[in-house]
Amino acid sequence: GRMWIDNADEQGRFAEEDWTRESTWCTEPRFRLVVTDLNGDGRADLYCHEPGRGWYDFADNEGHVGWAGESISLAWCRAGTT
């Protein structure tokens, strides 16, 4: 229910959190959260996978996500559904 981001500095070192946000996005036990660059802009985006359905949320210019991602149907990926 909470996400923290700590961006590395120019030397690749981490110091302390730069950004935090509370949310109930992608917290169900059957969901799987994946952090990856979905749109090729060099920023870490979020993808929440549920069998047969998925949500994605692109990071903004500061690398923040809004937890209001777009929903997509994954009819080709329904393993584990009833």
PDB file of N, CA and C in Angstrom:
ATOM      1  N   GLY A   1       0.775  -1.204   0.000  1.00  0.00           N
ATOM      2  CA  GLY A   1       0.000   0.000   0.000  1.00  0.00           C
ATOM      3  C   GLY A   1       0.817   1.269   0.000  1.00  0.00           C
ATOM      4  N   ARG A   2       2.146   1.168  -0.044  1.00  0.00           N
ATOM      5  CA  ARG A   2       2.990   2.355  -0.041  1.00  0.00           C
ATOM      6  C   ARG A   2       4.204   2.101  -0.929  1.00  0.00           C
ATOM      7  N   MET A   3       4.640   3.141  -1.631  1.00  0.00           N
ATOM      8  CA  MET A   3       5.794   3.021  -2.514  1.00  0.00           C
ATOM      9  C   MET A   3       6.802   4.100  -2.168  1.00  0.00           C
ATOM     10  N   TRP A   4       8.066   3.709  -2.123  1.00  0.00           N
ATOM     11  CA  TRP A   4       9.151   4.652  -1.900  1.00  0.00           C
ATOM     12  C   TRP A   4      10.074   4.608  -3.101  1.00  0.00           C
ATOM     13  N   ILE A   5      10.563   5.752  -3.509  1.00  0.00           N
ATOM     14  CA  ILE A   5      11.529   5.826  -4.602  1.00  0.00           C
ATOM     15  C   ILE A   5      12.773   6.529  -4.090  1.00  0.00           C
ATOM     16  N   ASP A   6      13.914   5.935  -4.338  1.00  0.00           N
ATOM     17  CA  ASP A   6      15.202   6.542  -4.020  1.00  0.00           C
ATOM     18  C   ASP A   6      16.015   6.546  -5.308  1.00  0.00           C
ATOM     19  N   ASN A   7      16.132   7.695  -5.926  1.00  0.00           N
ATOM     20  CA  ASN A   7      16.886   7.819  -7.168  1.00  0.00           C
ATOM     21  C   ASN A   7      18.381   7.882  -6.874  1.00  0.00           C
ATOM     22  N   ALA A   8      19.155   7.174  -7.664  1.00  0.00           N
ATOM     23  CA  ALA A   8      20.610   7.204  -7.517  1.00  0.00           C
ATOM     24  C   ALA A   8      21.158   8.541  -8.010  1.00  0.00           C
ATOM     25  N   ASP A   9      22.278   8.971  -7.424  1.00  0.00           N
ATOM     26  CA  ASP A   9      22.922  10.195  -7.905  1.00  0.00           C
ATOM     27  C   ASP A   9      23.782   9.875  -9.127  1.00  0.00           C
ATOM     28  N   GLU A  10      24.515  10.863  -9.613  1.00  0.00           N
ATOM     29  CA  GLU A  10      25.325  10.689 -10.833  1.00  0.00           C
ATOM     30  C   GLU A  10      26.373   9.588 -10.702  1.00  0.00           C
ATOM     31  N   GLN A  11      26.795   9.288  -9.477  1.00  0.00           N
ATOM     32  CA  GLN A  11      27.793   8.234  -9.245  1.00  0.00           C
ATOM     33  C   GLN A  11      27.148   6.868  -8.984  1.00  0.00           C
ATOM     34  N   GLY A  12      25.813   6.803  -9.067  1.00  0.00           N
ATOM     35  CA  GLY A  12      25.116   5.538  -8.860  1.00  0.00           C
ATOM     36  C   GLY A  12      24.871   5.196  -7.409  1.00  0.00           C
ATOM     37  N   ARG A  13      25.006   6.168  -6.501  1.00  0.00           N
ATOM     38  CA  ARG A  13      24.812   5.926  -5.070  1.00  0.00           C
ATOM     39  C   ARG A  13      23.401   6.334  -4.644  1.00  0.00           C
ATOM     40  N   PHE A  14      22.873   5.613  -3.666  1.00  0.00           N
ATOM     41  CA  PHE A  14      21.575   5.914  -3.092  1.00  0.00           C
ATOM     42  C   PHE A  14      21.776   6.522  -1.714  1.00  0.00           C
ATOM     43  N   ALA A  15      20.951   7.494  -1.357  1.00  0.00           N
ATOM     44  CA  ALA A  15      21.111   8.157  -0.064  1.00  0.00           C
ATOM     45  C   ALA A  15      19.858   7.969   0.800  1.00  0.00           C
ATOM     46  N   GLU A  16      18.776   8.595   0.424  1.00  0.00           N
ATOM     47  CA  GLU A  16      17.522   8.482   1.154  1.00  0.00           C
ATOM     48  C   GLU A  16      16.385   8.623   0.166  1.00  0.00           C
ATOM     49  N   GLU A  17      15.174   8.297   0.619  1.00  0.00           N
ATOM     50  CA  GLU A  17      14.043   8.338  -0.301  1.00  0.00           C
ATOM     51  C   GLU A  17      13.823   9.740  -0.852  1.00  0.00           C
ATOM     52  N   ASP A  18      13.486   9.796  -2.134  1.00  0.00           N
ATOM     53  CA  ASP A  18      13.221  11.059  -2.809  1.00  0.00           C
ATOM     54  C   ASP A  18      11.729  11.325  -2.955  1.00  0.00           C
ATOM     55  N   TRP A  19      10.935  10.259  -2.884  1.00  0.00           N
ATOM     56  CA  TRP A  19       9.509  10.396  -3.149  1.00  0.00           C
ATOM     57  C   TRP A  19       8.781   9.215  -2.539  1.00  0.00           C
ATOM     58  N   THR A  20       7.588   9.456  -2.000  1.00  0.00           N
ATOM     59  CA  THR A  20       6.762   8.384  -1.442  1.00  0.00           C
ATOM     60  C   THR A  20       5.294   8.674  -1.713  1.00  0.00           C
ATOM     61  N   ARG A  21       4.512   7.604  -1.791  1.00  0.00           N
ATOM     62  CA  ARG A  21       3.077   7.762  -2.047  1.00  0.00           C
ATOM     63  C   ARG A  21       2.343   6.541  -1.498  1.00  0.00           C
ATOM     64  N   GLU A  22       1.157   6.776  -0.923  1.00  0.00           N
ATOM     65  CA  GLU A  22       0.310   5.686  -0.445  1.00  0.00           C
ATOM     66  C   GLU A  22      -0.700   5.319  -1.523  1.00  0.00           C
ATOM     67  N   SER A  23      -1.039   4.030  -1.591  1.00  0.00           N
ATOM     68  CA  SER A  23      -2.001   3.578  -2.582  1.00  0.00           C
ATOM     69  C   SER A  23      -2.454   2.164  -2.277  1.00  0.00           C
ATOM     70  N   THR A  24      -3.596   1.798  -2.814  1.00  0.00           N
ATOM     71  CA  THR A  24      -4.062   0.420  -2.754  1.00  0.00           C
ATOM     72  C   THR A  24      -3.951  -0.226  -4.128  1.00  0.00           C
ATOM     73  N   TRP A  25      -3.228   0.413  -5.037  1.00  0.00           N
ATOM     74  CA  TRP A  25      -3.057  -0.070  -6.402  1.00  0.00           C
ATOM     75  C   TRP A  25      -2.199  -1.323  -6.404  1.00  0.00           C
ATOM     76  N   CYS A  26      -2.687  -2.407  -7.002  1.00  0.00           N
ATOM     77  CA  CYS A  26      -1.939  -3.660  -7.205  1.00  0.00           C
ATOM     78  C   CYS A  26      -1.543  -4.328  -5.885  1.00  0.00           C
ATOM     79  N   THR A  27      -2.454  -4.390  -4.932  1.00  0.00           N
ATOM     80  CA  THR A  27      -2.120  -4.980  -3.633  1.00  0.00           C
ATOM     81  C   THR A  27      -2.792  -6.324  -3.378  1.00  0.00           C
ATOM     82  N   GLU A  28      -3.635  -6.791  -4.299  1.00  0.00           N
ATOM     83  CA  GLU A  28      -4.277  -8.092  -4.117  1.00  0.00           C
ATOM     84  C   GLU A  28      -3.222  -9.206  -4.181  1.00  0.00           C
ATOM     85  N   PRO A  29      -3.381 -10.263  -3.381  1.00  0.00           N
ATOM     86  CA  PRO A  29      -2.394 -11.349  -3.389  1.00  0.00           C
ATOM     87  C   PRO A  29      -2.178 -11.995  -4.761  1.00  0.00           C
ATOM     88  N   ARG A  30      -3.205 -12.049  -5.595  1.00  0.00           N
ATOM     89  CA  ARG A  30      -3.061 -12.694  -6.913  1.00  0.00           C
ATOM     90  C   ARG A  30      -2.412 -11.782  -7.948  1.00  0.00           C
ATOM     91  N   PHE A  31      -2.226 -10.506  -7.631  1.00  0.00           N
ATOM     92  CA  PHE A  31      -1.614  -9.561  -8.559  1.00  0.00           C
ATOM     93  C   PHE A  31      -0.095  -9.639  -8.483  1.00  0.00           C
ATOM     94  N   ARG A  32       0.548  -9.297  -9.568  1.00  0.00           N
ATOM     95  CA  ARG A  32       2.014  -9.265  -9.599  1.00  0.00           C
ATOM     96  C   ARG A  32       2.449  -7.895 -10.108  1.00  0.00           C
ATOM     97  N   LEU A  33       3.239  -7.187  -9.326  1.00  0.00           N
ATOM     98  CA  LEU A  33       3.727  -5.865  -9.698  1.00  0.00           C
ATOM     99  C   LEU A  33       5.088  -5.998 -10.372  1.00  0.00           C
ATOM    100  N   VAL A  34       5.212  -5.403 -11.545  1.00  0.00           N
ATOM    101  CA  VAL A  34       6.464  -5.424 -12.300  1.00  0.00           C
ATOM    102  C   VAL A  34       6.901  -3.983 -12.517  1.00  0.00           C
ATOM    103  N   VAL A  35       8.155  -3.701 -12.227  1.00  0.00           N
ATOM    104  CA  VAL A  35       8.734  -2.378 -12.471  1.00  0.00           C
ATOM    105  C   VAL A  35       9.649  -2.509 -13.672  1.00  0.00           C
ATOM    106  N   THR A  36       9.327  -1.789 -14.743  1.00  0.00           N
ATOM    107  CA  THR A  36      10.090  -1.883 -15.991  1.00  0.00           C
ATOM    108  C   THR A  36       9.823  -0.644 -16.839  1.00  0.00           C
ATOM    109  N   ASP A  37      10.650  -0.414 -17.816  1.00  0.00           N
ATOM    110  CA  ASP A  37      10.446   0.709 -18.735  1.00  0.00           C
ATOM    111  C   ASP A  37       9.544   0.243 -19.867  1.00  0.00           C
ATOM    112  N   LEU A  38       8.253   0.503 -19.740  1.00  0.00           N
ATOM    113  CA  LEU A  38       7.270   0.029 -20.721  1.00  0.00           C
ATOM    114  C   LEU A  38       7.262   0.820 -22.020  1.00  0.00           C
ATOM    115  N   ASN A  39       7.576   2.104 -21.950  1.00  0.00           N
ATOM    116  CA  ASN A  39       7.443   2.945 -23.146  1.00  0.00           C
ATOM    117  C   ASN A  39       8.788   3.428 -23.697  1.00  0.00           C
ATOM    118  N   GLY A  40       9.901   2.908 -23.191  1.00  0.00           N
ATOM    119  CA  GLY A  40      11.215   3.199 -23.750  1.00  0.00           C
ATOM    120  C   GLY A  40      11.756   4.595 -23.488  1.00  0.00           C
ATOM    121  N   ASP A  41      11.251   5.280 -22.433  1.00  0.00           N
ATOM    122  CA  ASP A  41      11.729   6.635 -22.153  1.00  0.00           C
ATOM    123  C   ASP A  41      12.847   6.678 -21.114  1.00  0.00           C
ATOM    124  N   GLY A  42      13.302   5.511 -20.652  1.00  0.00           N
ATOM    125  CA  GLY A  42      14.389   5.461 -19.673  1.00  0.00           C
ATOM    126  C   GLY A  42      13.927   5.576 -18.234  1.00  0.00           C
ATOM    127  N   ARG A  43      12.620   5.655 -17.981  1.00  0.00           N
ATOM    128  CA  ARG A  43      12.092   5.759 -16.624  1.00  0.00           C
ATOM    129  C   ARG A  43      11.397   4.451 -16.243  1.00  0.00           C
ATOM    130  N   ALA A  44      11.402   4.132 -14.960  1.00  0.00           N
ATOM    131  CA  ALA A  44      10.755   2.920 -14.473  1.00  0.00           C
ATOM    132  C   ALA A  44       9.246   3.132 -14.392  1.00  0.00           C
ATOM    133  N   ASP A  45       8.506   2.373 -15.186  1.00  0.00           N
ATOM    134  CA  ASP A  45       7.046   2.399 -15.174  1.00  0.00           C
ATOM    135  C   ASP A  45       6.551   1.204 -14.368  1.00  0.00           C
ATOM    136  N   LEU A  46       5.263   1.196 -14.045  1.00  0.00           N
ATOM    137  CA  LEU A  46       4.676   0.107 -13.287  1.00  0.00           C
ATOM    138  C   LEU A  46       3.696  -0.668 -14.154  1.00  0.00           C
ATOM    139  N   TYR A  47       3.730  -1.989 -13.998  1.00  0.00           N
ATOM    140  CA  TYR A  47       2.764  -2.863 -14.646  1.00  0.00           C
ATOM    141  C   TYR A  47       2.223  -3.803 -13.578  1.00  0.00           C
ATOM    142  N   CYS A  48       0.905  -3.853 -13.430  1.00  0.00           N
ATOM    143  CA  CYS A  48       0.250  -4.732 -12.467  1.00  0.00           C
ATOM    144  C   CYS A  48      -0.444  -5.836 -13.250  1.00  0.00           C
ATOM    145  N   HIS A  49      -0.049  -7.075 -13.010  1.00  0.00           N
ATOM    146  CA  HIS A  49      -0.585  -8.211 -13.755  1.00  0.00           C
ATOM    147  C   HIS A  49      -1.536  -9.019 -12.894  1.00  0.00           C
ATOM    148  N   GLU A  50      -2.714  -9.259 -13.440  1.00  0.00           N
ATOM    149  CA  GLU A  50      -3.685 -10.198 -12.906  1.00  0.00           C
ATOM    150  C   GLU A  50      -4.005 -11.125 -14.064  1.00  0.00           C
ATOM    151  N   PRO A  51      -4.117 -12.440 -13.872  1.00  0.00           N
ATOM    152  CA  PRO A  51      -4.424 -13.307 -15.000  1.00  0.00           C
ATOM    153  C   PRO A  51      -5.645 -12.808 -15.779  1.00  0.00           C
ATOM    154  N   GLY A  52      -5.454 -12.561 -17.066  1.00  0.00           N
ATOM    155  CA  GLY A  52      -6.516 -12.091 -17.935  1.00  0.00           C
ATOM    156  C   GLY A  52      -6.680 -10.582 -18.000  1.00  0.00           C
ATOM    157  N   ARG A  53      -5.935  -9.839 -17.197  1.00  0.00           N
ATOM    158  CA  ARG A  53      -6.079  -8.388 -17.152  1.00  0.00           C
ATOM    159  C   ARG A  53      -4.780  -7.769 -16.647  1.00  0.00           C
ATOM    160  N   GLY A  54      -4.537  -6.555 -17.043  1.00  0.00           N
ATOM    161  CA  GLY A  54      -3.349  -5.863 -16.568  1.00  0.00           C
ATOM    162  C   GLY A  54      -3.563  -4.362 -16.541  1.00  0.00           C
ATOM    163  N   TRP A  55      -2.778  -3.675 -15.742  1.00  0.00           N
ATOM    164  CA  TRP A  55      -2.821  -2.225 -15.649  1.00  0.00           C
ATOM    165  C   TRP A  55      -1.403  -1.710 -15.771  1.00  0.00           C
ATOM    166  N   TYR A  56      -1.252  -0.565 -16.389  1.00  0.00           N
ATOM    167  CA  TYR A  56       0.073   0.035 -16.472  1.00  0.00           C
ATOM    168  C   TYR A  56      -0.019   1.505 -16.108  1.00  0.00           C
ATOM    169  N   ASP A  57       1.082   2.032 -15.596  1.00  0.00           N
ATOM    170  CA  ASP A  57       1.151   3.427 -15.193  1.00  0.00           C
ATOM    171  C   ASP A  57       2.541   3.940 -15.557  1.00  0.00           C
ATOM    172  N   PHE A  58       2.586   4.893 -16.487  1.00  0.00           N
ATOM    173  CA  PHE A  58       3.856   5.443 -16.938  1.00  0.00           C
ATOM    174  C   PHE A  58       4.363   6.506 -15.971  1.00  0.00           C
ATOM    175  N   ALA A  59       5.650   6.516 -15.724  1.00  0.00           N
ATOM    176  CA  ALA A  59       6.266   7.533 -14.873  1.00  0.00           C
ATOM    177  C   ALA A  59       6.278   8.878 -15.592  1.00  0.00           C
ATOM    178  N   ASP A  60       6.169   9.961 -14.809  1.00  0.00           N
ATOM    179  CA  ASP A  60       6.252  11.300 -15.395  1.00  0.00           C
ATOM    180  C   ASP A  60       7.721  11.713 -15.544  1.00  0.00           C
ATOM    181  N   ASN A  61       7.968  12.941 -15.900  1.00  0.00           N
ATOM    182  CA  ASN A  61       9.347  13.419 -16.132  1.00  0.00           C
ATOM    183  C   ASN A  61      10.231  13.346 -14.901  1.00  0.00           C
ATOM    184  N   GLU A  62       9.640  13.367 -13.708  1.00  0.00           N
ATOM    185  CA  GLU A  62      10.425  13.236 -12.475  1.00  0.00           C
ATOM    186  C   GLU A  62      10.542  11.793 -12.006  1.00  0.00           C
ATOM    187  N   GLY A  63       9.949  10.868 -12.754  1.00  0.00           N
ATOM    188  CA  GLY A  63       9.994   9.453 -12.381  1.00  0.00           C
ATOM    189  C   GLY A  63       8.890   9.035 -11.436  1.00  0.00           C
ATOM    190  N   HIS A  64       7.887   9.884 -11.216  1.00  0.00           N
ATOM    191  CA  HIS A  64       6.774   9.573 -10.324  1.00  0.00           C
ATOM    192  C   HIS A  64       5.649   8.906 -11.102  1.00  0.00           C
ATOM    193  N   VAL A  65       4.915   8.034 -10.413  1.00  0.00           N
ATOM    194  CA  VAL A  65       3.732   7.413 -11.002  1.00  0.00           C
ATOM    195  C   VAL A  65       2.508   7.899 -10.244  1.00  0.00           C
ATOM    196  N   GLY A  66       1.363   7.892 -10.916  1.00  0.00           N
ATOM    197  CA  GLY A  66       0.150   8.423 -10.304  1.00  0.00           C
ATOM    198  C   GLY A  66      -0.810   7.380  -9.790  1.00  0.00           C
ATOM    199  N   TRP A  67      -0.507   6.087  -9.972  1.00  0.00           N
ATOM    200  CA  TRP A  67      -1.353   4.985  -9.538  1.00  0.00           C
ATOM    201  C   TRP A  67      -2.722   5.006 -10.220  1.00  0.00           C
ATOM    202  N   ALA A  68      -2.836   5.682 -11.330  1.00  0.00           N
ATOM    203  CA  ALA A  68      -4.109   5.745 -12.049  1.00  0.00           C
ATOM    204  C   ALA A  68      -3.932   5.179 -13.446  1.00  0.00           C
ATOM    205  N   GLY A  69      -3.221   4.094 -13.546  1.00  0.00           N
ATOM    206  CA  GLY A  69      -2.850   3.539 -14.836  1.00  0.00           C
ATOM    207  C   GLY A  69      -4.001   3.115 -15.709  1.00  0.00           C
ATOM    208  N   GLU A  70      -3.687   2.876 -16.947  1.00  0.00           N
ATOM    209  CA  GLU A  70      -4.656   2.417 -17.932  1.00  0.00           C
ATOM    210  C   GLU A  70      -4.819   0.904 -17.818  1.00  0.00           C
ATOM    211  N   SER A  71      -6.012   0.424 -18.073  1.00  0.00           N
ATOM    212  CA  SER A  71      -6.309  -1.002 -18.021  1.00  0.00           C
ATOM    213  C   SER A  71      -6.230  -1.588 -19.425  1.00  0.00           C
ATOM    214  N   ILE A  72      -5.707  -2.810 -19.518  1.00  0.00           N
ATOM    215  CA  ILE A  72      -5.667  -3.516 -20.797  1.00  0.00           C
ATOM    216  C   ILE A  72      -6.172  -4.939 -20.591  1.00  0.00           C
ATOM    217  N   SER A  73      -6.821  -5.491 -21.596  1.00  0.00           N
ATOM    218  CA  SER A  73      -7.289  -6.866 -21.549  1.00  0.00           C
ATOM    219  C   SER A  73      -6.173  -7.780 -22.025  1.00  0.00           C
ATOM    220  N   LEU A  74      -6.010  -8.884 -21.343  1.00  0.00           N
ATOM    221  CA  LEU A  74      -4.978  -9.858 -21.707  1.00  0.00           C
ATOM    222  C   LEU A  74      -5.628 -11.206 -21.988  1.00  0.00           C
ATOM    223  N   ALA A  75      -6.521 -11.239 -22.957  1.00  0.00           N
ATOM    224  CA  ALA A  75      -7.255 -12.467 -23.267  1.00  0.00           C
ATOM    225  C   ALA A  75      -6.318 -13.623 -23.590  1.00  0.00           C
ATOM    226  N   TRP A  76      -5.137 -13.329 -24.089  1.00  0.00           N
ATOM    227  CA  TRP A  76      -4.178 -14.373 -24.450  1.00  0.00           C
ATOM    228  C   TRP A  76      -3.443 -14.918 -23.240  1.00  0.00           C
ATOM    229  N   CYS A  77      -3.643 -14.334 -22.071  1.00  0.00           N
ATOM    230  CA  CYS A  77      -2.885 -14.725 -20.875  1.00  0.00           C
ATOM    231  C   CYS A  77      -3.831 -14.955 -19.719  1.00  0.00           C
ATOM    232  N   ARG A  78      -4.583 -16.036 -19.769  1.00  0.00           N
ATOM    233  CA  ARG A  78      -5.610 -16.286 -18.757  1.00  0.00           C
ATOM    234  C   ARG A  78      -5.279 -17.437 -17.819  1.00  0.00           C
ATOM    235  N   ALA A  79      -4.071 -17.881 -17.732  1.00  0.00           N
ATOM    236  CA  ALA A  79      -3.715 -18.984 -16.841  1.00  0.00           C
ATOM    237  C   ALA A  79      -4.084 -18.630 -15.404  1.00  0.00           C
ATOM    238  N   GLY A  80      -4.713 -19.547 -14.725  1.00  0.00           N
ATOM    239  CA  GLY A  80      -5.055 -19.334 -13.327  1.00  0.00           C
ATOM    240  C   GLY A  80      -6.418 -18.705 -13.110  1.00  0.00           C
ATOM    241  N   THR A  81      -7.160 -18.392 -14.158  1.00  0.00           N
ATOM    242  CA  THR A  81      -8.496 -17.827 -13.976  1.00  0.00           C
ATOM    243  C   THR A  81      -9.522 -18.933 -13.877  1.00  0.00           C
ATOM    244  N   THR A  82     -10.670 -18.619 -13.325  1.00  0.00           N
ATOM    245  CA  THR A  82     -11.734 -19.629 -13.209  1.00  0.00           C
ATOM    246  C   THR A  82     -12.869 -19.295 -14.129  1.00  0.00           C
TER     247      THR A  82
END
